[in-house]
N, C-alpha and C. Protein backbone atom coordinates (compact mmCIF):
# COMPACT_ATOMS: atom_id res chain seq x y z
N UNK A 1 212.35 14.05 364.51
CA UNK A 1 211.77 14.45 363.22
C UNK A 1 210.25 14.51 363.32
N UNK A 2 209.62 13.44 363.84
CA UNK A 2 208.16 13.39 363.91
C UNK A 2 207.61 14.38 364.94
N UNK A 3 208.32 14.53 366.05
CA UNK A 3 207.89 15.51 367.05
C UNK A 3 207.96 16.92 366.48
N UNK A 4 209.01 17.17 365.70
CA UNK A 4 209.14 18.49 365.06
C UNK A 4 208.00 18.73 364.09
N UNK A 5 207.64 17.71 363.30
CA UNK A 5 206.52 17.85 362.37
C UNK A 5 205.22 18.11 363.10
N UNK A 6 205.01 17.39 364.20
CA UNK A 6 203.78 17.58 364.98
C UNK A 6 203.75 18.96 365.60
N UNK A 7 204.92 19.44 366.05
CA UNK A 7 204.97 20.79 366.59
C UNK A 7 204.56 21.82 365.56
N UNK A 8 204.99 21.60 364.32
CA UNK A 8 204.57 22.50 363.25
C UNK A 8 203.10 22.40 362.96
N UNK A 9 202.54 21.19 363.11
CA UNK A 9 201.13 20.97 362.80
C UNK A 9 200.21 21.68 363.78
N UNK A 10 200.67 21.86 365.03
CA UNK A 10 199.82 22.49 366.04
C UNK A 10 200.17 23.96 366.23
N UNK A 11 201.03 24.50 365.37
CA UNK A 11 201.37 25.91 365.44
C UNK A 11 200.85 26.61 364.20
N UNK A 12 201.17 27.89 364.09
CA UNK A 12 200.73 28.65 362.91
C UNK A 12 201.52 28.28 361.66
N UNK A 13 202.66 27.64 361.85
CA UNK A 13 203.49 27.27 360.72
C UNK A 13 202.83 26.21 359.85
N UNK A 14 203.00 26.34 358.55
CA UNK A 14 202.48 25.38 357.59
C UNK A 14 203.58 24.37 357.24
N UNK A 15 203.21 23.21 356.67
CA UNK A 15 204.25 22.26 356.23
C UNK A 15 205.30 22.89 355.32
N UNK A 16 204.89 23.86 354.50
CA UNK A 16 205.85 24.53 353.63
C UNK A 16 206.90 25.30 354.43
N UNK A 17 206.49 25.85 355.57
CA UNK A 17 207.42 26.59 356.42
C UNK A 17 208.44 25.65 357.06
N UNK A 18 207.96 24.49 357.49
CA UNK A 18 208.86 23.48 358.04
C UNK A 18 209.83 23.02 356.95
N UNK A 19 209.32 22.89 355.74
CA UNK A 19 210.16 22.47 354.62
C UNK A 19 211.26 23.50 354.35
N UNK A 20 210.93 24.78 354.45
CA UNK A 20 211.92 25.83 354.22
C UNK A 20 213.08 25.68 355.19
N UNK A 21 212.75 25.48 356.47
CA UNK A 21 213.79 25.33 357.48
C UNK A 21 214.60 24.06 357.23
N UNK A 22 213.91 23.00 356.85
CA UNK A 22 214.58 21.71 356.63
C UNK A 22 215.56 21.74 355.46
N UNK A 23 215.24 22.46 354.41
CA UNK A 23 216.05 22.39 353.20
C UNK A 23 216.98 23.59 352.99
N UNK A 24 216.67 24.74 353.59
CA UNK A 24 217.51 25.92 353.38
C UNK A 24 218.91 25.74 353.97
N UNK A 25 218.96 25.29 355.21
CA UNK A 25 220.25 25.15 355.90
C UNK A 25 221.17 24.16 355.19
N UNK A 26 220.72 22.92 354.93
CA UNK A 26 221.62 21.99 354.23
C UNK A 26 221.94 22.41 352.79
N UNK A 27 221.04 23.15 352.15
CA UNK A 27 221.33 23.64 350.79
C UNK A 27 222.55 24.55 350.80
N UNK A 28 222.61 25.44 351.78
CA UNK A 28 223.73 26.37 351.87
C UNK A 28 225.02 25.66 352.25
N UNK A 29 224.92 24.71 353.17
CA UNK A 29 226.11 24.02 353.66
C UNK A 29 226.67 23.04 352.63
N UNK A 30 225.78 22.32 351.97
CA UNK A 30 226.21 21.22 351.10
C UNK A 30 226.35 21.61 349.63
N UNK A 31 226.05 22.86 349.29
CA UNK A 31 226.17 23.29 347.90
C UNK A 31 227.57 23.04 347.32
N UNK A 32 228.65 23.32 348.08
CA UNK A 32 229.99 23.05 347.52
C UNK A 32 230.20 21.58 347.16
N UNK A 33 229.67 20.66 347.98
CA UNK A 33 229.81 19.23 347.68
C UNK A 33 229.08 18.86 346.39
N UNK A 34 227.90 19.44 346.22
CA UNK A 34 227.11 19.14 345.02
C UNK A 34 227.81 19.68 343.78
N UNK A 35 228.32 20.90 343.85
CA UNK A 35 229.00 21.50 342.70
C UNK A 35 230.26 20.72 342.34
N UNK A 36 230.95 20.22 343.35
CA UNK A 36 232.20 19.50 343.12
C UNK A 36 231.96 18.14 342.46
N UNK A 37 230.79 17.55 342.73
CA UNK A 37 230.51 16.20 342.23
C UNK A 37 229.37 16.22 341.20
N UNK A 38 229.29 17.26 340.40
CA UNK A 38 228.24 17.34 339.38
C UNK A 38 228.33 16.18 338.39
N UNK A 39 229.54 15.76 338.09
CA UNK A 39 229.71 14.67 337.13
C UNK A 39 229.09 13.38 337.65
N UNK A 40 229.24 13.13 338.95
CA UNK A 40 228.66 11.92 339.55
C UNK A 40 227.14 11.97 339.49
N UNK A 41 226.57 13.15 339.69
CA UNK A 41 225.12 13.30 339.61
C UNK A 41 224.62 13.07 338.19
N UNK A 42 225.35 13.61 337.20
CA UNK A 42 224.94 13.47 335.81
C UNK A 42 225.00 12.01 335.34
N UNK A 43 225.83 11.21 336.02
CA UNK A 43 225.97 9.81 335.63
C UNK A 43 224.82 8.94 336.14
N UNK A 44 224.03 9.48 337.07
CA UNK A 44 222.92 8.72 337.64
C UNK A 44 221.69 8.89 336.75
N UNK A 45 221.01 7.81 336.37
CA UNK A 45 219.78 7.94 335.57
C UNK A 45 218.75 8.83 336.24
N UNK A 46 218.02 9.59 335.45
CA UNK A 46 217.05 10.55 335.98
C UNK A 46 215.98 9.90 336.85
N UNK A 47 215.61 8.66 336.53
CA UNK A 47 214.55 8.01 337.31
C UNK A 47 214.97 7.79 338.75
N UNK A 48 216.27 7.55 338.98
CA UNK A 48 216.73 7.36 340.35
C UNK A 48 216.89 8.69 341.08
N UNK A 49 217.32 9.72 340.37
CA UNK A 49 217.38 11.05 340.97
C UNK A 49 215.98 11.52 341.35
N UNK A 50 215.01 11.24 340.48
CA UNK A 50 213.62 11.59 340.77
C UNK A 50 213.13 10.83 341.99
N UNK A 51 213.45 9.55 342.08
CA UNK A 51 213.04 8.75 343.24
C UNK A 51 213.65 9.26 344.53
N UNK A 52 214.90 9.72 344.46
CA UNK A 52 215.57 10.25 345.65
C UNK A 52 214.87 11.50 346.15
N UNK A 53 214.55 12.41 345.24
CA UNK A 53 213.88 13.67 345.63
C UNK A 53 212.44 13.41 346.07
N UNK A 54 211.74 12.57 345.31
CA UNK A 54 210.35 12.26 345.64
C UNK A 54 210.23 11.60 347.01
N UNK A 55 211.17 10.71 347.31
CA UNK A 55 211.05 9.92 348.53
C UNK A 55 211.61 10.54 349.79
N UNK A 56 212.46 11.56 349.66
CA UNK A 56 213.03 12.16 350.87
C UNK A 56 213.01 13.68 350.85
N UNK A 57 212.56 14.26 349.75
CA UNK A 57 212.57 15.70 349.62
C UNK A 57 211.24 16.35 349.96
N UNK A 58 210.94 17.43 349.25
CA UNK A 58 209.74 18.22 349.53
C UNK A 58 208.45 17.40 349.45
N UNK A 59 208.23 16.58 348.42
CA UNK A 59 206.97 15.82 348.37
C UNK A 59 206.75 14.95 349.60
N UNK A 60 207.81 14.26 350.04
CA UNK A 60 207.70 13.42 351.23
C UNK A 60 207.38 14.25 352.47
N UNK A 61 208.07 15.36 352.64
CA UNK A 61 207.86 16.19 353.83
C UNK A 61 206.45 16.75 353.87
N UNK A 62 205.92 17.15 352.72
CA UNK A 62 204.56 17.69 352.68
C UNK A 62 203.53 16.62 353.04
N UNK A 63 203.75 15.39 352.55
CA UNK A 63 202.82 14.30 352.87
C UNK A 63 202.87 13.97 354.36
N UNK A 64 204.08 13.80 354.89
CA UNK A 64 204.23 13.46 356.31
C UNK A 64 203.76 14.60 357.20
N UNK A 65 204.09 15.84 356.82
CA UNK A 65 203.68 16.98 357.63
C UNK A 65 202.18 17.19 357.63
N UNK A 66 201.53 17.00 356.49
CA UNK A 66 200.08 17.14 356.41
C UNK A 66 199.39 16.04 357.20
N UNK A 67 199.95 14.83 357.18
CA UNK A 67 199.35 13.72 357.93
C UNK A 67 199.30 14.00 359.42
N UNK A 68 200.26 14.80 359.91
CA UNK A 68 200.29 15.12 361.34
C UNK A 68 199.08 15.94 361.77
N UNK A 69 198.39 16.55 360.82
CA UNK A 69 197.18 17.31 361.15
C UNK A 69 196.00 16.38 361.45
N UNK A 70 196.12 15.12 361.07
CA UNK A 70 194.98 14.20 361.16
C UNK A 70 195.19 13.04 362.14
N UNK A 71 196.44 12.72 362.46
CA UNK A 71 196.71 11.56 363.31
C UNK A 71 197.81 11.89 364.32
N UNK A 72 197.85 11.19 365.46
CA UNK A 72 198.85 11.45 366.49
C UNK A 72 200.27 11.18 366.00
N UNK A 73 201.24 11.87 366.60
CA UNK A 73 202.63 11.70 366.20
C UNK A 73 203.10 10.28 366.48
N UNK A 74 202.58 9.64 367.53
CA UNK A 74 202.98 8.27 367.85
C UNK A 74 202.61 7.31 366.73
N UNK A 75 201.48 7.57 366.07
CA UNK A 75 201.07 6.72 364.96
C UNK A 75 202.01 6.90 363.76
N UNK A 76 202.42 8.14 363.51
CA UNK A 76 203.33 8.39 362.41
C UNK A 76 204.69 7.77 362.64
N UNK A 77 205.21 7.90 363.88
CA UNK A 77 206.52 7.34 364.18
C UNK A 77 206.51 5.83 364.20
N UNK A 78 205.31 5.23 364.27
CA UNK A 78 205.20 3.77 364.20
C UNK A 78 204.95 3.30 362.78
N UNK A 79 204.08 3.99 362.05
CA UNK A 79 203.69 3.53 360.72
C UNK A 79 204.78 3.75 359.67
N UNK A 80 205.38 4.93 359.64
CA UNK A 80 206.33 5.21 358.56
C UNK A 80 207.58 4.33 358.64
N UNK A 81 208.33 4.36 359.76
CA UNK A 81 209.50 3.47 359.80
C UNK A 81 209.13 2.00 359.97
N UNK A 82 207.98 1.74 360.62
CA UNK A 82 207.59 0.36 360.88
C UNK A 82 207.18 -0.40 359.63
N UNK A 83 206.59 0.30 358.68
CA UNK A 83 206.14 -0.36 357.44
C UNK A 83 207.16 -0.24 356.31
N UNK A 84 208.24 0.47 356.56
CA UNK A 84 209.26 0.67 355.52
C UNK A 84 209.81 -0.66 354.97
N UNK A 85 210.14 -1.64 355.82
CA UNK A 85 210.65 -2.91 355.27
C UNK A 85 209.66 -3.59 354.32
N UNK A 86 208.37 -3.44 354.59
CA UNK A 86 207.35 -4.05 353.74
C UNK A 86 207.39 -3.45 352.34
N UNK A 87 207.44 -2.13 352.26
CA UNK A 87 207.43 -1.46 350.96
C UNK A 87 208.76 -1.64 350.22
N UNK A 88 209.87 -1.62 350.95
CA UNK A 88 211.17 -1.85 350.31
C UNK A 88 211.22 -3.25 349.71
N UNK A 89 210.74 -4.22 350.48
CA UNK A 89 210.73 -5.61 349.98
C UNK A 89 209.80 -5.75 348.78
N UNK A 90 208.66 -5.08 348.83
CA UNK A 90 207.71 -5.15 347.71
C UNK A 90 208.33 -4.60 346.43
N UNK A 91 209.03 -3.47 346.54
CA UNK A 91 209.69 -2.88 345.37
C UNK A 91 210.79 -3.81 344.86
N UNK A 92 211.56 -4.38 345.79
CA UNK A 92 212.65 -5.28 345.40
C UNK A 92 212.13 -6.51 344.67
N UNK A 93 211.00 -7.04 345.12
CA UNK A 93 210.43 -8.24 344.50
C UNK A 93 209.80 -7.91 343.15
N UNK A 94 209.03 -6.82 343.09
CA UNK A 94 208.28 -6.49 341.88
C UNK A 94 209.16 -5.96 340.75
N UNK A 95 210.18 -5.17 341.11
CA UNK A 95 210.96 -4.50 340.06
C UNK A 95 212.38 -5.05 339.89
N UNK A 96 212.87 -5.78 340.90
CA UNK A 96 214.23 -6.30 340.81
C UNK A 96 214.29 -7.82 340.97
N UNK A 97 213.12 -8.47 340.96
CA UNK A 97 213.02 -9.93 341.01
C UNK A 97 213.82 -10.54 342.15
N UNK A 98 213.83 -9.85 343.28
CA UNK A 98 214.54 -10.37 344.45
C UNK A 98 213.65 -11.36 345.19
N UNK A 99 214.21 -12.48 345.59
CA UNK A 99 213.43 -13.50 346.31
C UNK A 99 213.43 -13.21 347.81
N UNK A 100 212.42 -13.72 348.50
CA UNK A 100 212.28 -13.52 349.94
C UNK A 100 212.40 -14.86 350.66
N UNK A 101 213.14 -14.86 351.77
CA UNK A 101 213.25 -16.07 352.58
C UNK A 101 211.95 -16.28 353.36
N UNK A 102 211.76 -17.49 353.87
CA UNK A 102 210.55 -17.79 354.65
C UNK A 102 210.49 -16.93 355.91
N UNK A 103 211.64 -16.74 356.56
CA UNK A 103 211.67 -15.91 357.77
C UNK A 103 211.27 -14.47 357.45
N UNK A 104 211.73 -13.98 356.32
CA UNK A 104 211.40 -12.60 355.94
C UNK A 104 209.92 -12.47 355.60
N UNK A 105 209.37 -13.49 354.96
CA UNK A 105 207.94 -13.47 354.64
C UNK A 105 207.11 -13.43 355.91
N UNK A 106 207.52 -14.21 356.91
CA UNK A 106 206.80 -14.22 358.20
C UNK A 106 206.87 -12.84 358.84
N UNK A 107 208.06 -12.24 358.83
CA UNK A 107 208.22 -10.92 359.42
C UNK A 107 207.40 -9.86 358.72
N UNK A 108 207.39 -9.89 357.40
CA UNK A 108 206.62 -8.92 356.64
C UNK A 108 205.12 -9.13 356.81
N UNK A 109 204.71 -10.38 357.00
CA UNK A 109 203.29 -10.67 357.26
C UNK A 109 202.87 -10.06 358.58
N UNK A 110 203.77 -10.07 359.55
CA UNK A 110 203.49 -9.45 360.85
C UNK A 110 203.33 -7.94 360.69
N UNK A 111 204.18 -7.34 359.87
CA UNK A 111 204.06 -5.90 359.60
C UNK A 111 202.71 -5.60 358.95
N UNK A 112 202.32 -6.42 357.99
CA UNK A 112 201.04 -6.23 357.30
C UNK A 112 199.88 -6.35 358.27
N UNK A 113 199.97 -7.28 359.20
CA UNK A 113 198.93 -7.43 360.22
C UNK A 113 198.85 -6.18 361.08
N UNK A 114 200.01 -5.62 361.42
CA UNK A 114 200.03 -4.40 362.21
C UNK A 114 199.37 -3.23 361.49
N UNK A 115 199.54 -3.16 360.17
CA UNK A 115 198.88 -2.11 359.39
C UNK A 115 197.37 -2.23 359.50
N UNK A 116 196.86 -3.46 359.37
CA UNK A 116 195.42 -3.68 359.46
C UNK A 116 194.89 -3.30 360.84
N UNK A 117 195.68 -3.58 361.89
CA UNK A 117 195.26 -3.22 363.25
C UNK A 117 195.14 -1.71 363.37
N UNK A 118 196.11 -0.98 362.81
CA UNK A 118 196.06 0.48 362.84
C UNK A 118 194.82 0.99 362.11
N UNK A 119 194.56 0.44 360.93
CA UNK A 119 193.42 0.90 360.14
C UNK A 119 192.10 0.53 360.80
N UNK A 120 192.03 -0.64 361.41
CA UNK A 120 190.80 -1.07 362.07
C UNK A 120 190.50 -0.25 363.31
N UNK A 121 191.54 0.38 363.88
CA UNK A 121 191.32 1.20 365.07
C UNK A 121 190.46 2.42 364.77
N UNK A 122 190.31 2.74 363.49
CA UNK A 122 189.48 3.88 363.10
C UNK A 122 188.01 3.51 362.95
N UNK A 123 187.71 2.23 363.05
CA UNK A 123 186.34 1.76 362.87
C UNK A 123 185.75 1.39 364.22
N UNK A 124 184.72 2.07 364.59
CA UNK A 124 184.04 1.80 365.85
C UNK A 124 182.63 2.31 365.79
N UNK A 125 182.14 2.73 366.93
CA UNK A 125 180.79 3.29 366.94
C UNK A 125 180.74 4.55 366.08
N UNK A 126 181.82 5.31 366.10
CA UNK A 126 181.92 6.50 365.26
C UNK A 126 183.18 6.37 364.39
N UNK A 127 182.98 6.41 363.10
CA UNK A 127 184.11 6.26 362.20
C UNK A 127 185.03 7.48 362.31
N UNK A 128 186.30 7.22 362.57
CA UNK A 128 187.28 8.30 362.67
C UNK A 128 187.95 8.49 361.31
N UNK A 129 187.19 9.09 360.39
CA UNK A 129 187.70 9.24 359.04
C UNK A 129 188.91 10.17 358.98
N UNK A 130 188.97 11.14 359.86
CA UNK A 130 190.09 12.07 359.86
C UNK A 130 191.39 11.33 360.19
N UNK A 131 191.35 10.51 361.23
CA UNK A 131 192.54 9.74 361.60
C UNK A 131 192.88 8.72 360.53
N UNK A 132 191.87 8.13 359.91
CA UNK A 132 192.11 7.17 358.83
C UNK A 132 192.84 7.85 357.67
N UNK A 133 192.47 9.09 357.40
CA UNK A 133 193.16 9.84 356.35
C UNK A 133 194.62 10.04 356.72
N UNK A 134 194.87 10.36 358.00
CA UNK A 134 196.24 10.52 358.46
C UNK A 134 197.04 9.23 358.33
N UNK A 135 196.42 8.10 358.70
CA UNK A 135 197.09 6.81 358.59
C UNK A 135 197.43 6.50 357.13
N UNK A 136 196.49 6.78 356.23
CA UNK A 136 196.72 6.52 354.81
C UNK A 136 197.89 7.36 354.29
N UNK A 137 197.97 8.60 354.74
CA UNK A 137 199.06 9.47 354.31
C UNK A 137 200.39 9.00 354.88
N UNK A 138 200.38 8.48 356.11
CA UNK A 138 201.60 7.92 356.68
C UNK A 138 202.10 6.75 355.84
N UNK A 139 201.17 5.91 355.40
CA UNK A 139 201.55 4.76 354.57
C UNK A 139 202.12 5.22 353.22
N UNK A 140 201.51 6.26 352.66
CA UNK A 140 202.04 6.83 351.41
C UNK A 140 203.46 7.37 351.66
N UNK A 141 203.64 8.02 352.81
CA UNK A 141 204.96 8.53 353.16
C UNK A 141 205.98 7.42 353.30
N UNK A 142 205.57 6.31 353.88
CA UNK A 142 206.47 5.16 354.01
C UNK A 142 206.85 4.60 352.64
N UNK A 143 205.87 4.52 351.75
CA UNK A 143 206.15 4.06 350.38
C UNK A 143 207.12 5.00 349.68
N UNK A 144 206.94 6.30 349.88
CA UNK A 144 207.84 7.27 349.27
C UNK A 144 209.26 7.10 349.81
N UNK A 145 209.37 6.86 351.12
CA UNK A 145 210.69 6.68 351.72
C UNK A 145 211.34 5.40 351.20
N UNK A 146 210.52 4.39 350.93
CA UNK A 146 211.04 3.14 350.36
C UNK A 146 211.59 3.38 348.96
N UNK A 147 210.90 4.21 348.19
CA UNK A 147 211.39 4.57 346.85
C UNK A 147 212.74 5.27 346.96
N UNK A 148 212.86 6.16 347.93
CA UNK A 148 214.14 6.83 348.17
C UNK A 148 215.22 5.83 348.53
N UNK A 149 214.90 4.90 349.43
CA UNK A 149 215.88 3.91 349.88
C UNK A 149 216.45 3.11 348.72
N UNK A 150 215.56 2.61 347.86
CA UNK A 150 216.00 1.83 346.71
C UNK A 150 216.78 2.71 345.72
N UNK A 151 216.26 3.90 345.44
CA UNK A 151 216.90 4.79 344.47
C UNK A 151 218.30 5.21 344.93
N UNK A 152 218.42 5.54 346.21
CA UNK A 152 219.71 5.97 346.74
C UNK A 152 220.72 4.82 346.72
N UNK A 153 220.24 3.62 346.99
CA UNK A 153 221.14 2.46 346.98
C UNK A 153 221.66 2.20 345.57
N UNK A 154 220.78 2.30 344.57
CA UNK A 154 221.20 2.05 343.19
C UNK A 154 222.09 3.19 342.68
N UNK A 155 221.74 4.43 343.04
CA UNK A 155 222.53 5.58 342.58
C UNK A 155 223.94 5.57 343.16
N UNK A 156 224.07 5.09 344.40
CA UNK A 156 225.38 4.95 345.05
C UNK A 156 226.15 6.27 345.09
N UNK A 157 225.44 7.34 345.44
CA UNK A 157 226.08 8.65 345.55
C UNK A 157 226.70 8.83 346.93
N UNK A 158 227.68 9.72 347.00
CA UNK A 158 228.21 10.14 348.28
C UNK A 158 227.08 10.72 349.13
N UNK A 159 227.08 10.41 350.43
CA UNK A 159 225.97 10.82 351.30
C UNK A 159 225.78 12.33 351.31
N UNK A 160 226.88 13.09 351.34
CA UNK A 160 226.78 14.54 351.36
C UNK A 160 226.22 15.07 350.04
N UNK A 161 226.65 14.48 348.96
CA UNK A 161 226.16 14.90 347.64
C UNK A 161 224.68 14.59 347.50
N UNK A 162 224.28 13.41 347.94
CA UNK A 162 222.88 13.01 347.87
C UNK A 162 222.00 13.93 348.70
N UNK A 163 222.42 14.20 349.95
CA UNK A 163 221.65 15.08 350.83
C UNK A 163 221.58 16.49 350.27
N UNK A 164 222.71 16.98 349.75
CA UNK A 164 222.73 18.32 349.19
C UNK A 164 221.86 18.44 347.95
N UNK A 165 221.89 17.43 347.10
CA UNK A 165 221.05 17.43 345.89
C UNK A 165 219.58 17.48 346.26
N UNK A 166 219.17 16.65 347.22
CA UNK A 166 217.77 16.63 347.67
C UNK A 166 217.37 17.99 348.23
N UNK A 167 218.24 18.57 349.06
CA UNK A 167 217.92 19.84 349.70
C UNK A 167 217.79 20.97 348.67
N UNK A 168 218.72 21.04 347.74
CA UNK A 168 218.71 22.12 346.75
C UNK A 168 217.50 22.02 345.83
N UNK A 169 217.24 20.82 345.30
CA UNK A 169 216.09 20.64 344.40
C UNK A 169 214.79 20.91 345.15
N UNK A 170 214.70 20.43 346.39
CA UNK A 170 213.48 20.64 347.17
C UNK A 170 213.26 22.11 347.49
N UNK A 171 214.35 22.83 347.77
CA UNK A 171 214.23 24.26 348.05
C UNK A 171 213.73 25.00 346.82
N UNK A 172 214.25 24.66 345.65
CA UNK A 172 213.79 25.29 344.41
C UNK A 172 212.32 24.98 344.15
N UNK A 173 211.93 23.72 344.37
CA UNK A 173 210.53 23.33 344.21
C UNK A 173 209.63 24.10 345.16
N UNK A 174 210.12 24.28 346.40
CA UNK A 174 209.34 24.99 347.41
C UNK A 174 209.13 26.45 347.02
N UNK A 175 210.19 27.10 346.57
CA UNK A 175 210.10 28.51 346.18
C UNK A 175 209.09 28.68 345.05
N UNK A 176 209.13 27.78 344.07
CA UNK A 176 208.19 27.85 342.94
C UNK A 176 206.77 27.61 343.41
N UNK A 177 206.57 26.59 344.25
CA UNK A 177 205.22 26.24 344.72
C UNK A 177 204.60 27.35 345.55
N UNK A 178 205.39 27.94 346.44
CA UNK A 178 204.88 29.05 347.26
C UNK A 178 204.67 30.29 346.41
N UNK A 179 205.60 30.55 345.50
CA UNK A 179 205.50 31.72 344.64
C UNK A 179 204.25 31.73 343.78
N UNK A 180 203.84 30.56 343.30
CA UNK A 180 202.64 30.45 342.48
C UNK A 180 201.38 30.20 343.31
N UNK A 181 201.54 30.12 344.63
CA UNK A 181 200.39 29.93 345.50
C UNK A 181 199.83 28.52 345.49
N UNK A 182 200.65 27.55 345.09
CA UNK A 182 200.18 26.16 345.04
C UNK A 182 200.07 25.56 346.44
N UNK A 183 200.92 26.02 347.36
CA UNK A 183 200.85 25.58 348.75
C UNK A 183 200.90 26.80 349.65
N UNK A 184 200.29 26.69 350.82
CA UNK A 184 200.22 27.81 351.76
C UNK A 184 201.51 27.92 352.57
N UNK A 185 201.85 29.15 352.92
CA UNK A 185 203.02 29.42 353.75
C UNK A 185 202.70 30.56 354.70
N UNK A 186 202.83 30.30 355.99
CA UNK A 186 202.61 31.34 357.00
C UNK A 186 203.70 32.40 356.91
N UNK A 187 204.93 31.98 356.72
CA UNK A 187 206.04 32.93 356.67
C UNK A 187 205.96 33.85 355.47
N UNK A 188 205.41 33.37 354.37
CA UNK A 188 205.34 34.17 353.14
C UNK A 188 204.39 35.35 353.28
N UNK A 189 203.41 35.24 354.17
CA UNK A 189 202.41 36.31 354.31
C UNK A 189 202.56 37.05 355.64
N UNK A 190 203.65 36.79 356.35
CA UNK A 190 203.88 37.40 357.65
C UNK A 190 205.15 38.23 357.62
N UNK A 191 205.13 39.46 358.15
CA UNK A 191 206.35 40.27 358.20
C UNK A 191 207.46 39.53 358.94
N UNK A 192 208.70 39.71 358.50
CA UNK A 192 209.83 39.01 359.11
C UNK A 192 209.92 39.33 360.60
N UNK A 193 209.57 40.54 360.98
CA UNK A 193 209.64 40.93 362.39
C UNK A 193 208.67 40.14 363.26
N UNK A 194 207.66 39.55 362.64
CA UNK A 194 206.66 38.79 363.40
C UNK A 194 206.86 37.27 363.28
N UNK A 195 207.94 36.85 362.64
CA UNK A 195 208.19 35.42 362.52
C UNK A 195 208.49 34.80 363.88
N UNK A 196 208.07 33.58 364.14
CA UNK A 196 208.37 32.90 365.41
C UNK A 196 209.80 32.35 365.39
N UNK A 197 210.77 33.22 365.64
CA UNK A 197 212.17 32.86 365.44
C UNK A 197 212.62 31.72 366.35
N UNK A 198 212.15 31.72 367.59
CA UNK A 198 212.56 30.65 368.50
C UNK A 198 212.07 29.29 368.00
N UNK A 199 210.84 29.26 367.53
CA UNK A 199 210.29 28.01 367.00
C UNK A 199 211.02 27.59 365.73
N UNK A 200 211.33 28.56 364.87
CA UNK A 200 212.06 28.25 363.65
C UNK A 200 213.45 27.70 363.96
N UNK A 201 214.09 28.28 364.98
CA UNK A 201 215.42 27.81 365.36
C UNK A 201 215.37 26.37 365.86
N UNK A 202 214.35 26.07 366.66
CA UNK A 202 214.22 24.70 367.17
C UNK A 202 213.98 23.71 366.04
N UNK A 203 213.17 24.11 365.06
CA UNK A 203 212.94 23.25 363.90
C UNK A 203 214.23 23.08 363.09
N UNK A 204 215.02 24.15 363.00
CA UNK A 204 216.28 24.07 362.26
C UNK A 204 217.23 23.07 362.90
N UNK A 205 217.24 23.04 364.25
CA UNK A 205 218.11 22.11 364.95
C UNK A 205 217.66 20.66 364.74
N UNK A 206 216.36 20.44 364.67
CA UNK A 206 215.83 19.08 364.54
C UNK A 206 215.71 18.64 363.09
N UNK A 207 215.37 19.57 362.21
CA UNK A 207 215.09 19.21 360.82
C UNK A 207 216.30 19.46 359.91
N UNK A 208 216.89 20.66 360.01
CA UNK A 208 217.96 21.00 359.09
C UNK A 208 219.21 20.18 359.32
């Protein structure tokens, strides 16, 4: 996933183009599951459906994809999944009054220390503000994924229905955003005959 995002970051493709590949394929495949289980979706409170889309859909992909323009892929693959337990635990404690064991507190403190080490690596003789921006966006992405994790757990939807719902809503959001020019898209301004089909296919295999 992260290598695919970085590949998009160093090519002519924009994060919106990667998002199109990521959400178009599962939208088409999983649409029947979503239509069949509409009642289950309607039973889930809107705040959890919003959290699911926000944390794993188009907003998350745009944040993570944009961050790849500023920081190495190795940093993203370490920060986003590595800090996820910290943010999930924080949400559980703050909003669901869940208690933490001493062992868990020690582990989360280690994660927090690792975050500071990453951020301090940007401070030296020359401040690497660009990389710091990337690190900050990775942390935002991790927080978004934590919101998805909690929301999906509470919603308790079928995995196919959940994935299909995220893909369909994200695809609609993407079409609107590109159509109104809110986000840039290389594919939208390039003739289909000139699209990098091999690259798009590789992204479809990794992302879709």
